[in-house]
Amino acid sequence: MAAATAASVNPPPSQQPAPKAVRVVVKGRVQGVFFRDWTVETARALGLAGWVRNRRDGTVEALLSGDPAKVDEMISRRLPVGPPAAAVTAVLPSPADPLDPSEGFQRKPTA
């Protein structure tokens, strides 16, 4: 019984969900409020790969890649709230190509 339970908790690699990747643009008061560093910390805690950067138009852009449930959690639950000083008005997702998990999650220069 214990072996069956362990197998259902940690499925073999062939049963792992295919990685999901989403590019998001976050609008609102999201620059100068620790949003990029918060995104790096939160994404790493969820085990996601990707990057985050400020954009010259005042938005923040990120690429999130990894376990589909963790990507969805970041988009639907974490980014809409952000760090305490942020005031997010929109999170706009679009599909992207998954990254290699070994790339980790990084902060990139403003684009």
PDB file of N, CA and C in Angstrom:
ATOM      1  N   MET A   1       0.825  -1.189   0.000  1.00  0.00           N
ATOM      2  CA  MET A   1       0.000   0.000   0.000  1.00  0.00           C
ATOM      3  C   MET A   1       0.870   1.254   0.000  1.00  0.00           C
ATOM      4  N   ALA A   2       1.953   1.270   0.801  1.00  0.00           N
ATOM      5  CA  ALA A   2       2.812   2.439   0.873  1.00  0.00           C
ATOM      6  C   ALA A   2       3.446   2.724  -0.484  1.00  0.00           C
ATOM      7  N   ALA A   3       3.833   1.686  -1.224  1.00  0.00           N
ATOM      8  CA  ALA A   3       4.442   1.880  -2.535  1.00  0.00           C
ATOM      9  C   ALA A   3       3.439   2.502  -3.497  1.00  0.00           C
ATOM     10  N   ALA A   4       2.191   2.087  -3.445  1.00  0.00           N
ATOM     11  CA  ALA A   4       1.164   2.658  -4.320  1.00  0.00           C
ATOM     12  C   ALA A   4       0.936   4.125  -3.977  1.00  0.00           C
ATOM     13  N   THR A   5       0.955   4.456  -2.700  1.00  0.00           N
ATOM     14  CA  THR A   5       0.756   5.835  -2.281  1.00  0.00           C
ATOM     15  C   THR A   5       1.920   6.706  -2.762  1.00  0.00           C
ATOM     16  N   ALA A   6       3.140   6.230  -2.601  1.00  0.00           N
ATOM     17  CA  ALA A   6       4.307   6.991  -3.037  1.00  0.00           C
ATOM     18  C   ALA A   6       4.278   7.203  -4.548  1.00  0.00           C
ATOM     19  N   ALA A   7       3.860   6.195  -5.301  1.00  0.00           N
ATOM     20  CA  ALA A   7       3.806   6.313  -6.752  1.00  0.00           C
ATOM     21  C   ALA A   7       2.774   7.355  -7.179  1.00  0.00           C
ATOM     22  N   SER A   8       1.678   7.460  -6.457  1.00  0.00           N
ATOM     23  CA  SER A   8       0.661   8.438  -6.850  1.00  0.00           C
ATOM     24  C   SER A   8       1.090   9.861  -6.479  1.00  0.00           C
ATOM     25  N   VAL A   9       1.908  10.003  -5.437  1.00  0.00           N
ATOM     26  CA  VAL A   9       2.386  11.327  -5.041  1.00  0.00           C
ATOM     27  C   VAL A   9       3.504  11.791  -5.969  1.00  0.00           C
ATOM     28  N   ASN A  10       4.416  10.907  -6.320  1.00  0.00           N
ATOM     29  CA  ASN A  10       5.539  11.213  -7.203  1.00  0.00           C
ATOM     30  C   ASN A  10       5.479  10.315  -8.430  1.00  0.00           C
ATOM     31  N   PRO A  11       4.698  10.708  -9.459  1.00  0.00           N
ATOM     32  CA  PRO A  11       4.594   9.846 -10.631  1.00  0.00           C
ATOM     33  C   PRO A  11       5.931   9.748 -11.351  1.00  0.00           C
ATOM     34  N   PRO A  12       6.134   8.647 -12.077  1.00  0.00           N
ATOM     35  CA  PRO A  12       7.373   8.512 -12.841  1.00  0.00           C
ATOM     36  C   PRO A  12       7.485   9.647 -13.856  1.00  0.00           C
ATOM     37  N   PRO A  13       8.709   9.949 -14.312  1.00  0.00           N
ATOM     38  CA  PRO A  13       8.904  11.066 -15.240  1.00  0.00           C
ATOM     39  C   PRO A  13       7.998  11.003 -16.462  1.00  0.00           C
ATOM     40  N   SER A  14       7.689   9.816 -16.949  1.00  0.00           N
ATOM     41  CA  SER A  14       6.843   9.713 -18.138  1.00  0.00           C
ATOM     42  C   SER A  14       5.431  10.224 -17.875  1.00  0.00           C
ATOM     43  N   GLN A  15       5.026  10.320 -16.589  1.00  0.00           N
ATOM     44  CA  GLN A  15       3.688  10.785 -16.263  1.00  0.00           C
ATOM     45  C   GLN A  15       3.675  12.237 -15.773  1.00  0.00           C
ATOM     46  N   GLN A  16       4.838  12.894 -15.742  1.00  0.00           N
ATOM     47  CA  GLN A  16       4.894  14.296 -15.344  1.00  0.00           C
ATOM     48  C   GLN A  16       4.195  15.123 -16.420  1.00  0.00           C
ATOM     49  N   PRO A  17       3.477  16.177 -16.034  1.00  0.00           N
ATOM     50  CA  PRO A  17       2.836  17.014 -17.053  1.00  0.00           C
ATOM     51  C   PRO A  17       3.883  17.723 -17.905  1.00  0.00           C
ATOM     52  N   ALA A  18       3.548  17.946 -19.168  1.00  0.00           N
ATOM     53  CA  ALA A  18       4.449  18.681 -20.049  1.00  0.00           C
ATOM     54  C   ALA A  18       4.594  20.106 -19.523  1.00  0.00           C
ATOM     55  N   PRO A  19       5.789  20.683 -19.604  1.00  0.00           N
ATOM     56  CA  PRO A  19       5.967  22.046 -19.109  1.00  0.00           C
ATOM     57  C   PRO A  19       5.081  23.028 -19.874  1.00  0.00           C
ATOM     58  N   LYS A  20       4.692  24.062 -19.173  1.00  0.00           N
ATOM     59  CA  LYS A  20       3.871  25.129 -19.759  1.00  0.00           C
ATOM     60  C   LYS A  20       4.658  26.423 -19.662  1.00  0.00           C
ATOM     61  N   ALA A  21       4.534  27.278 -20.661  1.00  0.00           N
ATOM     62  CA  ALA A  21       5.198  28.578 -20.613  1.00  0.00           C
ATOM     63  C   ALA A  21       4.211  29.658 -21.039  1.00  0.00           C
ATOM     64  N   VAL A  22       4.257  30.766 -20.325  1.00  0.00           N
ATOM     65  CA  VAL A  22       3.373  31.888 -20.596  1.00  0.00           C
ATOM     66  C   VAL A  22       4.176  33.180 -20.441  1.00  0.00           C
ATOM     67  N   ARG A  23       3.997  34.082 -21.399  1.00  0.00           N
ATOM     68  CA  ARG A  23       4.564  35.426 -21.286  1.00  0.00           C
ATOM     69  C   ARG A  23       3.447  36.308 -20.733  1.00  0.00           C
ATOM     70  N   VAL A  24       3.757  37.112 -19.733  1.00  0.00           N
ATOM     71  CA  VAL A  24       2.748  37.993 -19.154  1.00  0.00           C
ATOM     72  C   VAL A  24       3.239  39.433 -19.156  1.00  0.00           C
ATOM     73  N   VAL A  25       2.292  40.336 -19.315  1.00  0.00           N
ATOM     74  CA  VAL A  25       2.542  41.758 -19.131  1.00  0.00           C
ATOM     75  C   VAL A  25       1.663  42.175 -17.959  1.00  0.00           C
ATOM     76  N   VAL A  26       2.286  42.790 -16.962  1.00  0.00           N
ATOM     77  CA  VAL A  26       1.573  43.194 -15.750  1.00  0.00           C
ATOM     78  C   VAL A  26       1.480  44.718 -15.752  1.00  0.00           C
ATOM     79  N   LYS A  27       0.235  45.212 -15.630  1.00  0.00           N
ATOM     80  CA  LYS A  27      -0.021  46.654 -15.657  1.00  0.00           C
ATOM     81  C   LYS A  27      -0.421  47.155 -14.278  1.00  0.00           C
ATOM     82  N   GLY A  28      -0.267  48.454 -14.073  1.00  0.00           N
ATOM     83  CA  GLY A  28      -0.626  49.091 -12.808  1.00  0.00           C
ATOM     84  C   GLY A  28       0.580  49.796 -12.214  1.00  0.00           C
ATOM     85  N   ARG A  29       0.570  49.958 -10.889  1.00  0.00           N
ATOM     86  CA  ARG A  29       1.741  50.521 -10.203  1.00  0.00           C
ATOM     87  C   ARG A  29       2.666  49.342  -9.899  1.00  0.00           C
ATOM     88  N   VAL A  30       3.534  49.034 -10.881  1.00  0.00           N
ATOM     89  CA  VAL A  30       4.363  47.829 -10.782  1.00  0.00           C
ATOM     90  C   VAL A  30       5.857  48.112 -10.950  1.00  0.00           C
ATOM     91  N   GLN A  31       6.224  49.386 -11.109  1.00  0.00           N
ATOM     92  CA  GLN A  31       7.642  49.737 -11.164  1.00  0.00           C
ATOM     93  C   GLN A  31       7.975  50.592  -9.946  1.00  0.00           C
ATOM     94  N   GLY A  32       9.160  50.353  -9.395  1.00  0.00           N
ATOM     95  CA  GLY A  32       9.589  51.094  -8.214  1.00  0.00           C
ATOM     96  C   GLY A  32       8.949  50.599  -6.932  1.00  0.00           C
ATOM     97  N   VAL A  33       8.375  49.389  -6.971  1.00  0.00           N
ATOM     98  CA  VAL A  33       7.681  48.836  -5.794  1.00  0.00           C
ATOM     99  C   VAL A  33       8.173  47.421  -5.458  1.00  0.00           C
ATOM    100  N   PHE A  34       9.405  47.079  -5.897  1.00  0.00           N
ATOM    101  CA  PHE A  34      10.004  45.774  -5.594  1.00  0.00           C
ATOM    102  C   PHE A  34       9.356  44.640  -6.393  1.00  0.00           C
ATOM    103  N   PHE A  35       8.601  44.972  -7.475  1.00  0.00           N
ATOM    104  CA  PHE A  35       7.855  43.947  -8.205  1.00  0.00           C
ATOM    105  C   PHE A  35       8.767  42.918  -8.868  1.00  0.00           C
ATOM    106  N   ARG A  36       9.847  43.358  -9.512  1.00  0.00           N
ATOM    107  CA  ARG A  36      10.729  42.386 -10.188  1.00  0.00           C
ATOM    108  C   ARG A  36      11.396  41.453  -9.189  1.00  0.00           C
ATOM    109  N   ASP A  37      11.941  42.001  -8.112  1.00  0.00           N
ATOM    110  CA  ASP A  37      12.600  41.134  -7.123  1.00  0.00           C
ATOM    111  C   ASP A  37      11.596  40.186  -6.480  1.00  0.00           C
ATOM    112  N   TRP A  38      10.398  40.687  -6.192  1.00  0.00           N
ATOM    113  CA  TRP A  38       9.337  39.838  -5.636  1.00  0.00           C
ATOM    114  C   TRP A  38       8.987  38.712  -6.613  1.00  0.00           C
ATOM    115  N   THR A  39       8.927  39.039  -7.911  1.00  0.00           N
ATOM    116  CA  THR A  39       8.613  38.032  -8.925  1.00  0.00           C
ATOM    117  C   THR A  39       9.695  36.964  -8.982  1.00  0.00           C
ATOM    118  N   VAL A  40      10.955  37.381  -8.931  1.00  0.00           N
ATOM    119  CA  VAL A  40      12.065  36.414  -8.939  1.00  0.00           C
ATOM    120  C   VAL A  40      11.941  35.474  -7.739  1.00  0.00           C
ATOM    121  N   GLU A  41      11.753  36.038  -6.545  1.00  0.00           N
ATOM    122  CA  GLU A  41      11.647  35.215  -5.333  1.00  0.00           C
ATOM    123  C   GLU A  41      10.451  34.257  -5.402  1.00  0.00           C
ATOM    124  N   THR A  42       9.302  34.765  -5.841  1.00  0.00           N
ATOM    125  CA  THR A  42       8.088  33.955  -5.884  1.00  0.00           C
ATOM    126  C   THR A  42       8.203  32.856  -6.933  1.00  0.00           C
ATOM    127  N   ALA A  43       8.702  33.192  -8.110  1.00  0.00           N
ATOM    128  CA  ALA A  43       8.858  32.196  -9.175  1.00  0.00           C
ATOM    129  C   ALA A  43       9.846  31.104  -8.773  1.00  0.00           C
ATOM    130  N   ARG A  44      10.949  31.494  -8.159  1.00  0.00           N
ATOM    131  CA  ARG A  44      11.929  30.487  -7.708  1.00  0.00           C
ATOM    132  C   ARG A  44      11.316  29.582  -6.645  1.00  0.00           C
ATOM    133  N   ALA A  45      10.521  30.158  -5.732  1.00  0.00           N
ATOM    134  CA  ALA A  45       9.880  29.344  -4.694  1.00  0.00           C
ATOM    135  C   ALA A  45       8.906  28.331  -5.302  1.00  0.00           C
ATOM    136  N   LEU A  46       8.316  28.670  -6.437  1.00  0.00           N
ATOM    137  CA  LEU A  46       7.393  27.757  -7.126  1.00  0.00           C
ATOM    138  C   LEU A  46       8.129  26.799  -8.065  1.00  0.00           C
ATOM    139  N   GLY A  47       9.436  26.968  -8.202  1.00  0.00           N
ATOM    140  CA  GLY A  47      10.216  26.084  -9.065  1.00  0.00           C
ATOM    141  C   GLY A  47      10.104  26.424 -10.545  1.00  0.00           C
ATOM    142  N   LEU A  48       9.803  27.676 -10.864  1.00  0.00           N
ATOM    143  CA  LEU A  48       9.641  28.082 -12.258  1.00  0.00           C
ATOM    144  C   LEU A  48      10.949  28.581 -12.854  1.00  0.00           C
ATOM    145  N   ALA A  49      11.067  28.438 -14.158  1.00  0.00           N
ATOM    146  CA  ALA A  49      12.163  29.027 -14.921  1.00  0.00           C
ATOM    147  C   ALA A  49      11.608  30.241 -15.645  1.00  0.00           C
ATOM    148  N   GLY A  50      12.508  31.140 -16.070  1.00  0.00           N
ATOM    149  CA  GLY A  50      12.075  32.282 -16.848  1.00  0.00           C
ATOM    150  C   GLY A  50      12.795  33.546 -16.469  1.00  0.00           C
ATOM    151  N   TRP A  51      12.117  34.672 -16.682  1.00  0.00           N
ATOM    152  CA  TRP A  51      12.730  35.978 -16.417  1.00  0.00           C
ATOM    153  C   TRP A  51      11.644  37.021 -16.190  1.00  0.00           C
ATOM    154  N   VAL A  52      12.072  38.170 -15.670  1.00  0.00           N
ATOM    155  CA  VAL A  52      11.190  39.315 -15.466  1.00  0.00           C
ATOM    156  C   VAL A  52      11.985  40.576 -15.773  1.00  0.00           C
ATOM    157  N   ARG A  53      11.297  41.589 -16.338  1.00  0.00           N
ATOM    158  CA  ARG A  53      11.962  42.868 -16.628  1.00  0.00           C
ATOM    159  C   ARG A  53      10.935  43.992 -16.653  1.00  0.00           C
ATOM    160  N   ASN A  54      11.429  45.197 -16.354  1.00  0.00           N
ATOM    161  CA  ASN A  54      10.621  46.398 -16.546  1.00  0.00           C
ATOM    162  C   ASN A  54      10.578  46.702 -18.032  1.00  0.00           C
ATOM    163  N   ARG A  55       9.494  47.367 -18.449  1.00  0.00           N
ATOM    164  CA  ARG A  55       9.394  47.858 -19.807  1.00  0.00           C
ATOM    165  C   ARG A  55       9.286  49.382 -19.754  1.00  0.00           C
ATOM    166  N   ARG A  56       9.762  50.019 -20.789  1.00  0.00           N
ATOM    167  CA  ARG A  56       9.780  51.487 -20.809  1.00  0.00           C
ATOM    168  C   ARG A  56       8.381  52.092 -20.739  1.00  0.00           C
ATOM    169  N   ASP A  57       7.350  51.310 -21.079  1.00  0.00           N
ATOM    170  CA  ASP A  57       5.978  51.831 -21.029  1.00  0.00           C
ATOM    171  C   ASP A  57       5.370  51.788 -19.628  1.00  0.00           C
ATOM    172  N   GLY A  58       6.171  51.385 -18.620  1.00  0.00           N
ATOM    173  CA  GLY A  58       5.692  51.363 -17.237  1.00  0.00           C
ATOM    174  C   GLY A  58       5.140  50.033 -16.782  1.00  0.00           C
ATOM    175  N   THR A  59       5.088  49.047 -17.676  1.00  0.00           N
ATOM    176  CA  THR A  59       4.617  47.714 -17.303  1.00  0.00           C
ATOM    177  C   THR A  59       5.796  46.842 -16.889  1.00  0.00           C
ATOM    178  N   VAL A  60       5.480  45.651 -16.402  1.00  0.00           N
ATOM    179  CA  VAL A  60       6.483  44.620 -16.119  1.00  0.00           C
ATOM    180  C   VAL A  60       6.140  43.426 -17.008  1.00  0.00           C
ATOM    181  N   GLU A  61       7.141  42.841 -17.622  1.00  0.00           N
ATOM    182  CA  GLU A  61       6.965  41.685 -18.496  1.00  0.00           C
ATOM    183  C   GLU A  61       7.703  40.501 -17.888  1.00  0.00           C
ATOM    184  N   ALA A  62       7.109  39.314 -17.990  1.00  0.00           N
ATOM    185  CA  ALA A  62       7.763  38.111 -17.463  1.00  0.00           C
ATOM    186  C   ALA A  62       7.476  36.925 -18.367  1.00  0.00           C
ATOM    187  N   LEU A  63       8.395  35.985 -18.368  1.00  0.00           N
ATOM    188  CA  LEU A  63       8.200  34.691 -19.008  1.00  0.00           C
ATOM    189  C   LEU A  63       8.259  33.653 -17.897  1.00  0.00           C
ATOM    190  N   LEU A  64       7.192  32.888 -17.749  1.00  0.00           N
ATOM    191  CA  LEU A  64       7.069  31.883 -16.694  1.00  0.00           C
ATOM    192  C   LEU A  64       7.005  30.513 -17.345  1.00  0.00           C
ATOM    193  N   SER A  65       7.852  29.589 -16.922  1.00  0.00           N
ATOM    194  CA  SER A  65       7.907  28.270 -17.540  1.00  0.00           C
ATOM    195  C   SER A  65       8.090  27.199 -16.467  1.00  0.00           C
ATOM    196  N   GLY A  66       7.333  26.100 -16.600  1.00  0.00           N
ATOM    197  CA  GLY A  66       7.469  25.003 -15.651  1.00  0.00           C
ATOM    198  C   GLY A  66       6.200  24.193 -15.533  1.00  0.00           C
ATOM    199  N   ASP A  67       6.000  23.612 -14.360  1.00  0.00           N
ATOM    200  CA  ASP A  67       4.821  22.805 -14.084  1.00  0.00           C
ATOM    201  C   ASP A  67       3.564  23.627 -14.356  1.00  0.00           C
ATOM    202  N   PRO A  68       2.625  23.113 -15.156  1.00  0.00           N
ATOM    203  CA  PRO A  68       1.438  23.894 -15.501  1.00  0.00           C
ATOM    204  C   PRO A  68       0.659  24.423 -14.296  1.00  0.00           C
ATOM    205  N   ALA A  69       0.539  23.645 -13.240  1.00  0.00           N
ATOM    206  CA  ALA A  69      -0.202  24.100 -12.058  1.00  0.00           C
ATOM    207  C   ALA A  69       0.513  25.265 -11.383  1.00  0.00           C
ATOM    208  N   LYS A  70       1.844  25.240 -11.366  1.00  0.00           N
ATOM    209  CA  LYS A  70       2.617  26.319 -10.742  1.00  0.00           C
ATOM    210  C   LYS A  70       2.587  27.584 -11.597  1.00  0.00           C
ATOM    211  N   VAL A  71       2.651  27.425 -12.924  1.00  0.00           N
ATOM    212  CA  VAL A  71       2.534  28.581 -13.821  1.00  0.00           C
ATOM    213  C   VAL A  71       1.163  29.225 -13.637  1.00  0.00           C
ATOM    214  N   ASP A  72       0.111  28.387 -13.602  1.00  0.00           N
ATOM    215  CA  ASP A  72      -1.246  28.911 -13.413  1.00  0.00           C
ATOM    216  C   ASP A  72      -1.400  29.617 -12.070  1.00  0.00           C
ATOM    217  N   GLU A  73      -0.796  29.055 -11.020  1.00  0.00           N
ATOM    218  CA  GLU A  73      -0.858  29.686  -9.703  1.00  0.00           C
ATOM    219  C   GLU A  73      -0.199  31.067  -9.741  1.00  0.00           C
ATOM    220  N   MET A  74       0.938  31.165 -10.390  1.00  0.00           N
ATOM    221  CA  MET A  74       1.638  32.447 -10.479  1.00  0.00           C
ATOM    222  C   MET A  74       0.774  33.478 -11.207  1.00  0.00           C
ATOM    223  N   ILE A  75       0.139  33.066 -12.302  1.00  0.00           N
ATOM    224  CA  ILE A  75      -0.647  33.995 -13.116  1.00  0.00           C
ATOM    225  C   ILE A  75      -1.967  34.376 -12.440  1.00  0.00           C
ATOM    226  N   SER A  76      -2.645  33.400 -11.863  1.00  0.00           N
ATOM    227  CA  SER A  76      -3.991  33.672 -11.347  1.00  0.00           C
ATOM    228  C   SER A  76      -4.019  34.130  -9.893  1.00  0.00           C
ATOM    229  N   ARG A  77      -3.038  33.714  -9.082  1.00  0.00           N
ATOM    230  CA  ARG A  77      -3.090  34.025  -7.655  1.00  0.00           C
ATOM    231  C   ARG A  77      -1.991  34.959  -7.167  1.00  0.00           C
ATOM    232  N   ARG A  78      -0.793  34.833  -7.726  1.00  0.00           N
ATOM    233  CA  ARG A  78       0.341  35.594  -7.192  1.00  0.00           C
ATOM    234  C   ARG A  78       0.516  36.953  -7.873  1.00  0.00           C
ATOM    235  N   LEU A  79       0.626  36.963  -9.215  1.00  0.00           N
ATOM    236  CA  LEU A  79       0.870  38.223  -9.918  1.00  0.00           C
ATOM    237  C   LEU A  79      -0.238  39.262  -9.731  1.00  0.00           C
ATOM    238  N   PRO A  80      -1.526  38.866  -9.698  1.00  0.00           N
ATOM    239  CA  PRO A  80      -2.562  39.893  -9.515  1.00  0.00           C
ATOM    240  C   PRO A  80      -2.469  40.638  -8.179  1.00  0.00           C
ATOM    241  N   VAL A  81      -1.781  40.060  -7.204  1.00  0.00           N
ATOM    242  CA  VAL A  81      -1.612  40.695  -5.896  1.00  0.00           C
ATOM    243  C   VAL A  81      -0.265  41.418  -5.837  1.00  0.00           C
ATOM    244  N   GLY A  82       0.799  40.727  -6.198  1.00  0.00           N
ATOM    245  CA  GLY A  82       2.136  41.316  -6.189  1.00  0.00           C
ATOM    246  C   GLY A  82       2.624  41.629  -4.793  1.00  0.00           C
ATOM    247  N   PRO A  83       3.733  42.378  -4.703  1.00  0.00           N
ATOM    248  CA  PRO A  83       4.257  42.772  -3.398  1.00  0.00           C
ATOM    249  C   PRO A  83       3.364  43.853  -2.773  1.00  0.00           C
ATOM    250  N   PRO A  84       3.541  44.127  -1.477  1.00  0.00           N
ATOM    251  CA  PRO A  84       2.633  45.041  -0.778  1.00  0.00           C
ATOM    252  C   PRO A  84       2.457  46.426  -1.407  1.00  0.00           C
ATOM    253  N   ALA A  85       3.509  47.017  -1.960  1.00  0.00           N
ATOM    254  CA  ALA A  85       3.402  48.384  -2.489  1.00  0.00           C
ATOM    255  C   ALA A  85       2.830  48.442  -3.909  1.00  0.00           C
ATOM    256  N   ALA A  86       2.640  47.305  -4.543  1.00  0.00           N
ATOM    257  CA  ALA A  86       2.128  47.276  -5.917  1.00  0.00           C
ATOM    258  C   ALA A  86       0.616  47.447  -5.949  1.00  0.00           C
ATOM    259  N   ALA A  87       0.132  47.929  -7.096  1.00  0.00           N
ATOM    260  CA  ALA A  87      -1.307  48.020  -7.356  1.00  0.00           C
ATOM    261  C   ALA A  87      -1.521  47.507  -8.781  1.00  0.00           C
ATOM    262  N   VAL A  88      -1.735  46.212  -8.917  1.00  0.00           N
ATOM    263  CA  VAL A  88      -1.879  45.577 -10.224  1.00  0.00           C
ATOM    264  C   VAL A  88      -3.283  45.826 -10.763  1.00  0.00           C
ATOM    265  N   THR A  89      -3.347  46.297 -12.019  1.00  0.00           N
ATOM    266  CA  THR A  89      -4.647  46.519 -12.655  1.00  0.00           C
ATOM    267  C   THR A  89      -4.954  45.475 -13.717  1.00  0.00           C
ATOM    268  N   ALA A  90      -3.925  44.789 -14.243  1.00  0.00           N
ATOM    269  CA  ALA A  90      -4.161  43.758 -15.260  1.00  0.00           C
ATOM    270  C   ALA A  90      -2.950  42.842 -15.358  1.00  0.00           C
ATOM    271  N   VAL A  91      -3.230  41.570 -15.636  1.00  0.00           N
ATOM    272  CA  VAL A  91      -2.202  40.580 -15.956  1.00  0.00           C
ATOM    273  C   VAL A  91      -2.612  39.993 -17.300  1.00  0.00           C
ATOM    274  N   LEU A  92      -1.832  40.273 -18.337  1.00  0.00           N
ATOM    275  CA  LEU A  92      -2.177  39.871 -19.696  1.00  0.00           C
ATOM    276  C   LEU A  92      -1.274  38.731 -20.160  1.00  0.00           C
ATOM    277  N   PRO A  93      -1.783  37.480 -20.183  1.00  0.00           N
ATOM    278  CA  PRO A  93      -0.968  36.334 -20.577  1.00  0.00           C
ATOM    279  C   PRO A  93      -1.034  36.050 -22.079  1.00  0.00           C
ATOM    280  N   SER A  94       0.037  35.471 -22.599  1.00  0.00           N
ATOM    281  CA  SER A  94       0.063  34.958 -23.966  1.00  0.00           C
ATOM    282  C   SER A  94       0.977  33.735 -23.988  1.00  0.00           C
ATOM    283  N   PRO A  95       0.706  32.769 -24.885  1.00  0.00           N
ATOM    284  CA  PRO A  95       1.506  31.534 -24.918  1.00  0.00           C
ATOM    285  C   PRO A  95       2.971  31.813 -25.269  1.00  0.00           C
ATOM    286  N   ALA A  96       3.832  30.926 -24.802  1.00  0.00           N
ATOM    287  CA  ALA A  96       5.264  31.026 -25.094  1.00  0.00           C
ATOM    288  C   ALA A  96       5.848  29.619 -25.150  1.00  0.00           C
ATOM    289  N   ASP A  97       7.079  29.514 -25.610  1.00  0.00           N
ATOM    290  CA  ASP A  97       7.772  28.224 -25.659  1.00  0.00           C
ATOM    291  C   ASP A  97       8.434  27.953 -24.314  1.00  0.00           C
ATOM    292  N   PRO A  98       8.273  26.722 -23.776  1.00  0.00           N
ATOM    293  CA  PRO A  98       8.886  26.384 -22.480  1.00  0.00           C
ATOM    294  C   PRO A  98      10.409  26.518 -22.522  1.00  0.00           C
ATOM    295  N   LEU A  99      10.971  26.858 -21.363  1.00  0.00           N
ATOM    296  CA  LEU A  99      12.418  26.963 -21.196  1.00  0.00           C
ATOM    297  C   LEU A  99      12.951  25.715 -20.503  1.00  0.00           C
ATOM    298  N   ASP A 100      14.247  25.505 -20.631  1.00  0.00           N
ATOM    299  CA  ASP A 100      14.907  24.440 -19.888  1.00  0.00           C
ATOM    300  C   ASP A 100      14.903  24.836 -18.413  1.00  0.00           C
ATOM    301  N   PRO A 101      14.411  23.954 -17.519  1.00  0.00           N
ATOM    302  CA  PRO A 101      14.354  24.300 -16.094  1.00  0.00           C
ATOM    303  C   PRO A 101      15.706  24.694 -15.501  1.00  0.00           C
ATOM    304  N   SER A 102      16.805  24.196 -16.085  1.00  0.00           N
ATOM    305  CA  SER A 102      18.134  24.517 -15.547  1.00  0.00           C
ATOM    306  C   SER A 102      18.489  25.996 -15.735  1.00  0.00           C
ATOM    307  N   GLU A 103      17.727  26.717 -16.559  1.00  0.00           N
ATOM    308  CA  GLU A 103      17.999  28.145 -16.761  1.00  0.00           C
ATOM    309  C   GLU A 103      17.621  28.975 -15.543  1.00  0.00           C
ATOM    310  N   GLY A 104      16.774  28.432 -14.666  1.00  0.00           N
ATOM    311  CA  GLY A 104      16.380  29.158 -13.470  1.00  0.00           C
ATOM    312  C   GLY A 104      15.517  30.359 -13.792  1.00  0.00           C
ATOM    313  N   PHE A 105      15.373  31.256 -12.813  1.00  0.00           N
ATOM    314  CA  PHE A 105      14.558  32.456 -12.991  1.00  0.00           C
ATOM    315  C   PHE A 105      15.421  33.671 -12.733  1.00  0.00           C
ATOM    316  N   GLN A 106      15.427  34.621 -13.686  1.00  0.00           N
ATOM    317  CA  GLN A 106      16.347  35.756 -13.619  1.00  0.00           C
ATOM    318  C   GLN A 106      15.635  37.088 -13.793  1.00  0.00           C
ATOM    319  N   ARG A 107      16.294  38.126 -13.348  1.00  0.00           N
ATOM    320  CA  ARG A 107      15.859  39.498 -13.584  1.00  0.00           C
ATOM    321  C   ARG A 107      16.673  40.030 -14.767  1.00  0.00           C
ATOM    322  N   LYS A 108      15.976  40.547 -15.774  1.00  0.00           N
ATOM    323  CA  LYS A 108      16.628  41.058 -16.961  1.00  0.00           C
ATOM    324  C   LYS A 108      16.567  42.583 -16.992  1.00  0.00           C
ATOM    325  N   PRO A 109      17.446  43.207 -17.810  1.00  0.00           N
ATOM    326  CA  PRO A 109      17.431  44.671 -17.921  1.00  0.00           C
ATOM    327  C   PRO A 109      16.137  45.173 -18.570  1.00  0.00           C
ATOM    328  N   THR A 110      15.831  46.423 -18.339  1.00  0.00           N
ATOM    329  CA  THR A 110      14.655  47.068 -18.923  1.00  0.00           C
ATOM    330  C   THR A 110      14.689  46.975 -20.447  1.00  0.00           C
ATOM    331  N   ALA A 111      13.512  46.762 -21.026  1.00  0.00           N
ATOM    332  CA  ALA A 111      13.407  46.675 -22.490  1.00  0.00           C
ATOM    333  C   ALA A 111      12.534  47.800 -23.012  1.00  0.00           C
TER     334      ALA A 111
END
